[in-house]
Amino acid sequence: MITVQETKSRELATPADIVAYLSERYAAATAGDLAPGDAVDISARAGMPPEFAAGDVAIFLCDVPSQPFAYILALNSGGREMAVQVQRSNLTKRATA
């Protein structure tokens, strides 16, 4: 059993309850203006080392529910893929060419 604290408490007594809760949270995380797989521009690099997110572009993975952060898939300066947590407000959907 796991108790999750929201504005109310909800007991998750079975694996099915846990999966249902996580599915709800994932749906909330992907309901914004960016969808998983969208190409994004990084409009501000506050707090990001220069080695992260070469070219200031990435692929949006998901928002973190109830947080100002999102996960992106980017390349580092050495050409390696990395999942990075960044401030959501620093991302904009990349215009298609």
PDB file of N, CA and C in Angstrom:
ATOM      1  N   MET A   1       0.842  -1.178   0.000  1.00  0.00           N
ATOM      2  CA  MET A   1       0.000   0.000   0.000  1.00  0.00           C
ATOM      3  C   MET A   1       0.889   1.243   0.000  1.00  0.00           C
ATOM      4  N   ILE A   2       0.496   2.252  -0.789  1.00  0.00           N
ATOM      5  CA  ILE A   2       1.177   3.541  -0.841  1.00  0.00           C
ATOM      6  C   ILE A   2       0.117   4.615  -0.682  1.00  0.00           C
ATOM      7  N   THR A   3       0.408   5.620   0.134  1.00  0.00           N
ATOM      8  CA  THR A   3      -0.489   6.762   0.251  1.00  0.00           C
ATOM      9  C   THR A   3       0.154   7.940  -0.439  1.00  0.00           C
ATOM     10  N   VAL A   4      -0.558   8.530  -1.399  1.00  0.00           N
ATOM     11  CA  VAL A   4      -0.064   9.663  -2.168  1.00  0.00           C
ATOM     12  C   VAL A   4      -0.742  10.919  -1.638  1.00  0.00           C
ATOM     13  N   GLN A   5       0.029  11.961  -1.385  1.00  0.00           N
ATOM     14  CA  GLN A   5      -0.514  13.208  -0.861  1.00  0.00           C
ATOM     15  C   GLN A   5      -0.811  14.174  -2.002  1.00  0.00           C
ATOM     16  N   GLU A   6      -2.080  14.500  -2.195  1.00  0.00           N
ATOM     17  CA  GLU A   6      -2.511  15.512  -3.143  1.00  0.00           C
ATOM     18  C   GLU A   6      -3.219  16.571  -2.302  1.00  0.00           C
ATOM     19  N   THR A   7      -4.262  17.157  -2.830  1.00  0.00           N
ATOM     20  CA  THR A   7      -5.076  18.027  -1.990  1.00  0.00           C
ATOM     21  C   THR A   7      -5.950  17.166  -1.079  1.00  0.00           C
ATOM     22  N   LYS A   8      -5.988  15.893  -1.383  1.00  0.00           N
ATOM     23  CA  LYS A   8      -6.665  14.896  -0.551  1.00  0.00           C
ATOM     24  C   LYS A   8      -5.782  13.657  -0.556  1.00  0.00           C
ATOM     25  N   SER A   9      -5.977  12.776   0.398  1.00  0.00           N
ATOM     26  CA  SER A   9      -5.226  11.517   0.429  1.00  0.00           C
ATOM     27  C   SER A   9      -6.019  10.438  -0.279  1.00  0.00           C
ATOM     28  N   ARG A  10      -5.304   9.553  -0.908  1.00  0.00           N
ATOM     29  CA  ARG A  10      -5.937   8.460  -1.650  1.00  0.00           C
ATOM     30  C   ARG A  10      -5.110   7.211  -1.418  1.00  0.00           C
ATOM     31  N   GLU A  11      -5.744   6.159  -0.953  1.00  0.00           N
ATOM     32  CA  GLU A  11      -5.030   4.915  -0.689  1.00  0.00           C
ATOM     33  C   GLU A  11      -4.948   4.081  -1.962  1.00  0.00           C
ATOM     34  N   LEU A  12      -3.740   3.647  -2.282  1.00  0.00           N
ATOM     35  CA  LEU A  12      -3.503   2.793  -3.441  1.00  0.00           C
ATOM     36  C   LEU A  12      -3.168   1.411  -2.889  1.00  0.00           C
ATOM     37  N   ALA A  13      -4.157   0.538  -2.846  1.00  0.00           N
ATOM     38  CA  ALA A  13      -4.029  -0.733  -2.143  1.00  0.00           C
ATOM     39  C   ALA A  13      -3.562  -1.890  -3.022  1.00  0.00           C
ATOM     40  N   THR A  14      -3.661  -1.739  -4.328  1.00  0.00           N
ATOM     41  CA  THR A  14      -3.302  -2.848  -5.225  1.00  0.00           C
ATOM     42  C   THR A  14      -2.412  -2.333  -6.348  1.00  0.00           C
ATOM     43  N   PRO A  15      -1.718  -3.233  -7.020  1.00  0.00           N
ATOM     44  CA  PRO A  15      -0.944  -2.804  -8.186  1.00  0.00           C
ATOM     45  C   PRO A  15      -1.817  -2.119  -9.233  1.00  0.00           C
ATOM     46  N   ALA A  16      -3.056  -2.581  -9.411  1.00  0.00           N
ATOM     47  CA  ALA A  16      -3.964  -1.948 -10.378  1.00  0.00           C
ATOM     48  C   ALA A  16      -4.264  -0.509  -9.969  1.00  0.00           C
ATOM     49  N   ASP A  17      -4.422  -0.263  -8.662  1.00  0.00           N
ATOM     50  CA  ASP A  17      -4.648   1.103  -8.169  1.00  0.00           C
ATOM     51  C   ASP A  17      -3.449   1.995  -8.474  1.00  0.00           C
ATOM     52  N   ILE A  18      -2.256   1.447  -8.284  1.00  0.00           N
ATOM     53  CA  ILE A  18      -1.029   2.208  -8.522  1.00  0.00           C
ATOM     54  C   ILE A  18      -0.895   2.555 -10.004  1.00  0.00           C
ATOM     55  N   VAL A  19      -1.133   1.572 -10.876  1.00  0.00           N
ATOM     56  CA  VAL A  19      -1.048   1.812 -12.317  1.00  0.00           C
ATOM     57  C   VAL A  19      -2.090   2.847 -12.744  1.00  0.00           C
ATOM     58  N   ALA A  20      -3.301   2.754 -12.209  1.00  0.00           N
ATOM     59  CA  ALA A  20      -4.346   3.722 -12.556  1.00  0.00           C
ATOM     60  C   ALA A  20      -3.925   5.128 -12.139  1.00  0.00           C
ATOM     61  N   TYR A  21      -3.354   5.264 -10.947  1.00  0.00           N
ATOM     62  CA  TYR A  21      -2.902   6.574 -10.474  1.00  0.00           C
ATOM     63  C   TYR A  21      -1.801   7.120 -11.385  1.00  0.00           C
ATOM     64  N   LEU A  22      -0.815   6.288 -11.692  1.00  0.00           N
ATOM     65  CA  LEU A  22       0.291   6.741 -12.550  1.00  0.00           C
ATOM     66  C   LEU A  22      -0.209   7.097 -13.948  1.00  0.00           C
ATOM     67  N   SER A  23      -1.169   6.362 -14.464  1.00  0.00           N
ATOM     68  CA  SER A  23      -1.754   6.678 -15.770  1.00  0.00           C
ATOM     69  C   SER A  23      -2.434   8.041 -15.750  1.00  0.00           C
ATOM     70  N   GLU A  24      -3.159   8.335 -14.668  1.00  0.00           N
ATOM     71  CA  GLU A  24      -3.787   9.648 -14.521  1.00  0.00           C
ATOM     72  C   GLU A  24      -2.748  10.758 -14.481  1.00  0.00           C
ATOM     73  N   ARG A  25      -1.671  10.549 -13.735  1.00  0.00           N
ATOM     74  CA  ARG A  25      -0.614  11.564 -13.618  1.00  0.00           C
ATOM     75  C   ARG A  25       0.094  11.752 -14.961  1.00  0.00           C
ATOM     76  N   TYR A  26       0.314  10.659 -15.698  1.00  0.00           N
ATOM     77  CA  TYR A  26       0.950  10.770 -17.007  1.00  0.00           C
ATOM     78  C   TYR A  26       0.049  11.540 -17.965  1.00  0.00           C
ATOM     79  N   ALA A  27      -1.249  11.256 -17.936  1.00  0.00           N
ATOM     80  CA  ALA A  27      -2.187  11.978 -18.798  1.00  0.00           C
ATOM     81  C   ALA A  27      -2.157  13.468 -18.478  1.00  0.00           C
ATOM     82  N   ALA A  28      -2.080  13.818 -17.207  1.00  0.00           N
ATOM     83  CA  ALA A  28      -2.007  15.226 -16.815  1.00  0.00           C
ATOM     84  C   ALA A  28      -0.694  15.850 -17.297  1.00  0.00           C
ATOM     85  N   ALA A  29       0.379  15.075 -17.261  1.00  0.00           N
ATOM     86  CA  ALA A  29       1.692  15.590 -17.656  1.00  0.00           C
ATOM     87  C   ALA A  29       1.808  15.807 -19.149  1.00  0.00           C
ATOM     88  N   THR A  30       0.991  15.129 -19.932  1.00  0.00           N
ATOM     89  CA  THR A  30       1.099  15.229 -21.388  1.00  0.00           C
ATOM     90  C   THR A  30      -0.056  16.010 -22.001  1.00  0.00           C
ATOM     91  N   ALA A  31      -0.819  16.715 -21.183  1.00  0.00           N
ATOM     92  CA  ALA A  31      -2.002  17.417 -21.676  1.00  0.00           C
ATOM     93  C   ALA A  31      -1.730  18.861 -22.103  1.00  0.00           C
ATOM     94  N   GLY A  32      -0.505  19.330 -22.013  1.00  0.00           N
ATOM     95  CA  GLY A  32      -0.191  20.726 -22.322  1.00  0.00           C
ATOM     96  C   GLY A  32      -0.022  20.990 -23.805  1.00  0.00           C
ATOM     97  N   ASP A  33       0.593  22.124 -24.118  1.00  0.00           N
ATOM     98  CA  ASP A  33       0.787  22.525 -25.511  1.00  0.00           C
ATOM     99  C   ASP A  33       1.909  21.750 -26.197  1.00  0.00           C
ATOM    100  N   LEU A  34       2.729  21.059 -25.428  1.00  0.00           N
ATOM    101  CA  LEU A  34       3.774  20.214 -25.998  1.00  0.00           C
ATOM    102  C   LEU A  34       3.409  18.758 -25.761  1.00  0.00           C
ATOM    103  N   ALA A  35       3.607  17.935 -26.776  1.00  0.00           N
ATOM    104  CA  ALA A  35       3.342  16.509 -26.678  1.00  0.00           C
ATOM    105  C   ALA A  35       4.659  15.746 -26.740  1.00  0.00           C
ATOM    106  N   PRO A  36       4.718  14.576 -26.104  1.00  0.00           N
ATOM    107  CA  PRO A  36       5.934  13.775 -26.207  1.00  0.00           C
ATOM    108  C   PRO A  36       6.311  13.574 -27.673  1.00  0.00           C
ATOM    109  N   GLY A  37       7.570  13.811 -27.971  1.00  0.00           N
ATOM    110  CA  GLY A  37       8.063  13.678 -29.339  1.00  0.00           C
ATOM    111  C   GLY A  37       8.154  14.983 -30.101  1.00  0.00           C
ATOM    112  N   ASP A  38       7.566  16.061 -29.554  1.00  0.00           N
ATOM    113  CA  ASP A  38       7.665  17.361 -30.219  1.00  0.00           C
ATOM    114  C   ASP A  38       9.099  17.887 -30.173  1.00  0.00           C
ATOM    115  N   ALA A  39       9.535  18.469 -31.276  1.00  0.00           N
ATOM    116  CA  ALA A  39      10.827  19.156 -31.302  1.00  0.00           C
ATOM    117  C   ALA A  39      10.657  20.507 -30.609  1.00  0.00           C
ATOM    118  N   VAL A  40      11.629  20.871 -29.759  1.00  0.00           N
ATOM    119  CA  VAL A  40      11.557  22.131 -29.025  1.00  0.00           C
ATOM    120  C   VAL A  40      12.856  22.916 -29.168  1.00  0.00           C
ATOM    121  N   ASP A  41      12.710  24.229 -29.058  1.00  0.00           N
ATOM    122  CA  ASP A  41      13.857  25.122 -28.937  1.00  0.00           C
ATOM    123  C   ASP A  41      14.027  25.432 -27.462  1.00  0.00           C
ATOM    124  N   ILE A  42      15.257  25.558 -27.032  1.00  0.00           N
ATOM    125  CA  ILE A  42      15.541  25.970 -25.657  1.00  0.00           C
ATOM    126  C   ILE A  42      15.783  27.466 -25.712  1.00  0.00           C
ATOM    127  N   SER A  43      14.802  28.217 -25.239  1.00  0.00           N
ATOM    128  CA  SER A  43      14.833  29.671 -25.382  1.00  0.00           C
ATOM    129  C   SER A  43      15.675  30.354 -24.323  1.00  0.00           C
ATOM    130  N   ALA A  44      15.935  29.687 -23.216  1.00  0.00           N
ATOM    131  CA  ALA A  44      16.797  30.232 -22.165  1.00  0.00           C
ATOM    132  C   ALA A  44      17.554  29.068 -21.541  1.00  0.00           C
ATOM    133  N   ARG A  45      18.818  29.270 -21.255  1.00  0.00           N
ATOM    134  CA  ARG A  45      19.663  28.198 -20.749  1.00  0.00           C
ATOM    135  C   ARG A  45      20.007  28.366 -19.273  1.00  0.00           C
ATOM    136  N   ALA A  46      19.234  29.150 -18.545  1.00  0.00           N
ATOM    137  CA  ALA A  46      19.512  29.397 -17.129  1.00  0.00           C
ATOM    138  C   ALA A  46      19.694  28.077 -16.386  1.00  0.00           C
ATOM    139  N   GLY A  47      20.842  27.929 -15.749  1.00  0.00           N
ATOM    140  CA  GLY A  47      21.119  26.738 -14.961  1.00  0.00           C
ATOM    141  C   GLY A  47      21.606  25.534 -15.747  1.00  0.00           C
ATOM    142  N   MET A  48      21.702  25.633 -17.064  1.00  0.00           N
ATOM    143  CA  MET A  48      22.165  24.504 -17.870  1.00  0.00           C
ATOM    144  C   MET A  48      23.635  24.654 -18.214  1.00  0.00           C
ATOM    145  N   PRO A  49      24.436  23.631 -17.946  1.00  0.00           N
ATOM    146  CA  PRO A  49      25.836  23.690 -18.357  1.00  0.00           C
ATOM    147  C   PRO A  49      25.932  23.806 -19.876  1.00  0.00           C
ATOM    148  N   PRO A  50      26.983  24.429 -20.393  1.00  0.00           N
ATOM    149  CA  PRO A  50      27.107  24.616 -21.839  1.00  0.00           C
ATOM    150  C   PRO A  50      27.216  23.296 -22.613  1.00  0.00           C
ATOM    151  N   GLU A  51      27.608  22.221 -21.936  1.00  0.00           N
ATOM    152  CA  GLU A  51      27.746  20.927 -22.606  1.00  0.00           C
ATOM    153  C   GLU A  51      26.394  20.268 -22.895  1.00  0.00           C
ATOM    154  N   PHE A  52      25.341  20.726 -22.235  1.00  0.00           N
ATOM    155  CA  PHE A  52      24.008  20.120 -22.385  1.00  0.00           C
ATOM    156  C   PHE A  52      23.273  20.749 -23.560  1.00  0.00           C
ATOM    157  N   ALA A  53      22.511  19.954 -24.279  1.00  0.00           N
ATOM    158  CA  ALA A  53      21.596  20.398 -25.329  1.00  0.00           C
ATOM    159  C   ALA A  53      22.303  21.194 -26.423  1.00  0.00           C
ATOM    160  N   ALA A  54      23.162  20.504 -27.152  1.00  0.00           N
ATOM    161  CA  ALA A  54      23.872  21.113 -28.275  1.00  0.00           C
ATOM    162  C   ALA A  54      22.868  21.695 -29.268  1.00  0.00           C
ATOM    163  N   GLY A  55      23.138  22.894 -29.753  1.00  0.00           N
ATOM    164  CA  GLY A  55      22.291  23.548 -30.732  1.00  0.00           C
ATOM    165  C   GLY A  55      21.028  24.167 -30.161  1.00  0.00           C
ATOM    166  N   ASP A  56      20.856  24.098 -28.841  1.00  0.00           N
ATOM    167  CA  ASP A  56      19.671  24.646 -28.170  1.00  0.00           C
ATOM    168  C   ASP A  56      18.372  24.056 -28.708  1.00  0.00           C
ATOM    169  N   VAL A  57      18.402  22.767 -29.068  1.00  0.00           N
ATOM    170  CA  VAL A  57      17.219  22.051 -29.537  1.00  0.00           C
ATOM    171  C   VAL A  57      17.144  20.704 -28.822  1.00  0.00           C
ATOM    172  N   ALA A  58      15.935  20.156 -28.754  1.00  0.00           N
ATOM    173  CA  ALA A  58      15.744  18.873 -28.091  1.00  0.00           C
ATOM    174  C   ALA A  58      14.402  18.287 -28.513  1.00  0.00           C
ATOM    175  N   ILE A  59      14.121  17.104 -27.998  1.00  0.00           N
ATOM    176  CA  ILE A  59      12.820  16.460 -28.160  1.00  0.00           C
ATOM    177  C   ILE A  59      12.151  16.464 -26.786  1.00  0.00           C
ATOM    178  N   PHE A  60      10.908  16.927 -26.747  1.00  0.00           N
ATOM    179  CA  PHE A  60      10.144  16.983 -25.501  1.00  0.00           C
ATOM    180  C   PHE A  60       9.736  15.570 -25.101  1.00  0.00           C
ATOM    181  N   LEU A  61       9.984  15.210 -23.839  1.00  0.00           N
ATOM    182  CA  LEU A  61       9.577  13.901 -23.338  1.00  0.00           C
ATOM    183  C   LEU A  61       8.301  14.002 -22.501  1.00  0.00           C
ATOM    184  N   CYS A  62       8.323  14.822 -21.433  1.00  0.00           N
ATOM    185  CA  CYS A  62       7.116  14.998 -20.616  1.00  0.00           C
ATOM    186  C   CYS A  62       7.314  16.124 -19.611  1.00  0.00           C
ATOM    187  N   ASP A  63       6.186  16.643 -19.135  1.00  0.00           N
ATOM    188  CA  ASP A  63       6.185  17.583 -18.013  1.00  0.00           C
ATOM    189  C   ASP A  63       6.232  16.781 -16.720  1.00  0.00           C
ATOM    190  N   VAL A  64       6.678  17.407 -15.671  1.00  0.00           N
ATOM    191  CA  VAL A  64       6.598  16.817 -14.343  1.00  0.00           C
ATOM    192  C   VAL A  64       5.355  17.415 -13.688  1.00  0.00           C
ATOM    193  N   PRO A  65       4.335  16.601 -13.381  1.00  0.00           N
ATOM    194  CA  PRO A  65       3.094  17.149 -12.828  1.00  0.00           C
ATOM    195  C   PRO A  65       3.332  17.995 -11.579  1.00  0.00           C
ATOM    196  N   SER A  66       2.656  19.116 -11.517  1.00  0.00           N
ATOM    197  CA  SER A  66       2.699  20.028 -10.363  1.00  0.00           C
ATOM    198  C   SER A  66       4.086  20.612 -10.121  1.00  0.00           C
ATOM    199  N   GLN A  67       4.927  20.618 -11.127  1.00  0.00           N
ATOM    200  CA  GLN A  67       6.282  21.153 -11.010  1.00  0.00           C
ATOM    201  C   GLN A  67       6.564  22.057 -12.211  1.00  0.00           C
ATOM    202  N   PRO A  68       7.501  22.980 -12.076  1.00  0.00           N
ATOM    203  CA  PRO A  68       7.830  23.850 -13.214  1.00  0.00           C
ATOM    204  C   PRO A  68       8.865  23.231 -14.163  1.00  0.00           C
ATOM    205  N   PHE A  69       9.014  21.908 -14.121  1.00  0.00           N
ATOM    206  CA  PHE A  69      10.060  21.250 -14.887  1.00  0.00           C
ATOM    207  C   PHE A  69       9.498  20.290 -15.922  1.00  0.00           C
ATOM    208  N   ALA A  70      10.309  20.022 -16.938  1.00  0.00           N
ATOM    209  CA  ALA A  70       9.982  19.048 -17.975  1.00  0.00           C
ATOM    210  C   ALA A  70      11.251  18.258 -18.289  1.00  0.00           C
ATOM    211  N   TYR A  71      11.068  17.112 -18.902  1.00  0.00           N
ATOM    212  CA  TYR A  71      12.198  16.319 -19.362  1.00  0.00           C
ATOM    213  C   TYR A  71      12.305  16.441 -20.875  1.00  0.00           C
ATOM    214  N   ILE A  72      13.541  16.549 -21.345  1.00  0.00           N
ATOM    215  CA  ILE A  72      13.821  16.604 -22.777  1.00  0.00           C
ATOM    216  C   ILE A  72      14.899  15.578 -23.113  1.00  0.00           C
ATOM    217  N   LEU A  73      14.937  15.180 -24.363  1.00  0.00           N
ATOM    218  CA  LEU A  73      16.007  14.339 -24.886  1.00  0.00           C
ATOM    219  C   LEU A  73      16.867  15.235 -25.759  1.00  0.00           C
ATOM    220  N   ALA A  74      18.141  15.315 -25.430  1.00  0.00           N
ATOM    221  CA  ALA A  74      19.042  16.220 -26.145  1.00  0.00           C
ATOM    222  C   ALA A  74      20.376  15.515 -26.395  1.00  0.00           C
ATOM    223  N   LEU A  75      21.204  16.164 -27.172  1.00  0.00           N
ATOM    224  CA  LEU A  75      22.585  15.690 -27.372  1.00  0.00           C
ATOM    225  C   LEU A  75      23.517  16.580 -26.571  1.00  0.00           C
ATOM    226  N   ASN A  76      24.517  15.965 -25.935  1.00  0.00           N
ATOM    227  CA  ASN A  76      25.521  16.785 -25.267  1.00  0.00           C
ATOM    228  C   ASN A  76      26.606  17.156 -26.277  1.00  0.00           C
ATOM    229  N   SER A  77      27.542  17.955 -25.852  1.00  0.00           N
ATOM    230  CA  SER A  77      28.577  18.447 -26.774  1.00  0.00           C
ATOM    231  C   SER A  77      29.453  17.331 -27.324  1.00  0.00           C
ATOM    232  N   GLY A  78      29.436  16.169 -26.680  1.00  0.00           N
ATOM    233  CA  GLY A  78      30.199  15.019 -27.164  1.00  0.00           C
ATOM    234  C   GLY A  78      29.398  14.122 -28.089  1.00  0.00           C
ATOM    235  N   GLY A  79      28.143  14.512 -28.403  1.00  0.00           N
ATOM    236  CA  GLY A  79      27.322  13.735 -29.315  1.00  0.00           C
ATOM    237  C   GLY A  79      26.548  12.602 -28.663  1.00  0.00           C
ATOM    238  N   ARG A  80      26.495  12.568 -27.355  1.00  0.00           N
ATOM    239  CA  ARG A  80      25.756  11.519 -26.647  1.00  0.00           C
ATOM    240  C   ARG A  80      24.349  11.984 -26.302  1.00  0.00           C
ATOM    241  N   GLU A  81      23.374  11.074 -26.408  1.00  0.00           N
ATOM    242  CA  GLU A  81      22.008  11.378 -26.016  1.00  0.00           C
ATOM    243  C   GLU A  81      21.908  11.453 -24.504  1.00  0.00           C
ATOM    244  N   MET A  82      21.077  12.381 -24.040  1.00  0.00           N
ATOM    245  CA  MET A  82      20.857  12.479 -22.603  1.00  0.00           C
ATOM    246  C   MET A  82      19.458  13.014 -22.336  1.00  0.00           C
ATOM    247  N   ALA A  83      18.814  12.468 -21.310  1.00  0.00           N
ATOM    248  CA  ALA A  83      17.537  13.001 -20.844  1.00  0.00           C
ATOM    249  C   ALA A  83      17.877  14.033 -19.770  1.00  0.00           C
ATOM    250  N   VAL A  84      17.331  15.230 -19.925  1.00  0.00           N
ATOM    251  CA  VAL A  84      17.670  16.346 -19.043  1.00  0.00           C
ATOM    252  C   VAL A  84      16.389  16.962 -18.500  1.00  0.00           C
ATOM    253  N   GLN A  85      16.402  17.312 -17.229  1.00  0.00           N
ATOM    254  CA  GLN A  85      15.277  18.034 -16.636  1.00  0.00           C
ATOM    255  C   GLN A  85      15.580  19.524 -16.729  1.00  0.00           C
ATOM    256  N   VAL A  86      14.653  20.284 -17.321  1.00  0.00           N
ATOM    257  CA  VAL A  86      14.831  21.725 -17.511  1.00  0.00           C
ATOM    258  C   VAL A  86      13.563  22.458 -17.086  1.00  0.00           C
ATOM    259  N   GLN A  87      13.677  23.754 -16.909  1.00  0.00           N
ATOM    260  CA  GLN A  87      12.494  24.549 -16.605  1.00  0.00           C
ATOM    261  C   GLN A  87      11.578  24.564 -17.824  1.00  0.00           C
ATOM    262  N   ARG A  88      10.323  24.258 -17.593  1.00  0.00           N
ATOM    263  CA  ARG A  88       9.339  24.176 -18.680  1.00  0.00           C
ATOM    264  C   ARG A  88       9.203  25.512 -19.407  1.00  0.00           C
ATOM    265  N   SER A  89       9.322  26.595 -18.664  1.00  0.00           N
ATOM    266  CA  SER A  89       9.160  27.926 -19.274  1.00  0.00           C
ATOM    267  C   SER A  89      10.278  28.262 -20.266  1.00  0.00           C
ATOM    268  N   ASN A  90      11.340  27.481 -20.277  1.00  0.00           N
ATOM    269  CA  ASN A  90      12.466  27.709 -21.191  1.00  0.00           C
ATOM    270  C   ASN A  90      12.314  26.976 -22.523  1.00  0.00           C
ATOM    271  N   LEU A  91      11.166  26.299 -22.725  1.00  0.00           N
ATOM    272  CA  LEU A  91      10.967  25.508 -23.938  1.00  0.00           C
ATOM    273  C   LEU A  91       9.872  26.114 -24.794  1.00  0.00           C
ATOM    274  N   THR A  92      10.107  26.124 -26.090  1.00  0.00           N
ATOM    275  CA  THR A  92       9.070  26.532 -27.039  1.00  0.00           C
ATOM    276  C   THR A  92       9.036  25.500 -28.161  1.00  0.00           C
ATOM    277  N   LYS A  93       7.840  25.256 -28.674  1.00  0.00           N
ATOM    278  CA  LYS A  93       7.699  24.300 -29.768  1.00  0.00           C
ATOM    279  C   LYS A  93       8.452  24.815 -30.982  1.00  0.00           C
ATOM    280  N   ARG A  94       9.235  23.948 -31.564  1.00  0.00           N
ATOM    281  CA  ARG A  94      10.065  24.319 -32.717  1.00  0.00           C
ATOM    282  C   ARG A  94       9.196  24.384 -33.967  1.00  0.00           C
ATOM    283  N   ALA A  95       9.356  25.446 -34.725  1.00  0.00           N
ATOM    284  CA  ALA A  95       8.620  25.598 -35.978  1.00  0.00           C
ATOM    285  C   ALA A  95       9.084  24.535 -36.964  1.00  0.00           C
ATOM    286  N   THR A  96       8.153  23.949 -37.690  1.00  0.00           N
ATOM    287  CA  THR A  96       8.515  22.953 -38.693  1.00  0.00           C
ATOM    288  C   THR A  96       9.022  23.651 -39.942  1.00  0.00           C
ATOM    289  N   ALA A  97      10.018  23.059 -40.553  1.00  0.00           N
ATOM    290  CA  ALA A  97      10.633  23.678 -41.750  1.00  0.00           C
ATOM    291  C   ALA A  97       9.832  23.413 -42.986  1.00  0.00           C
TER     292      ALA A  97
END
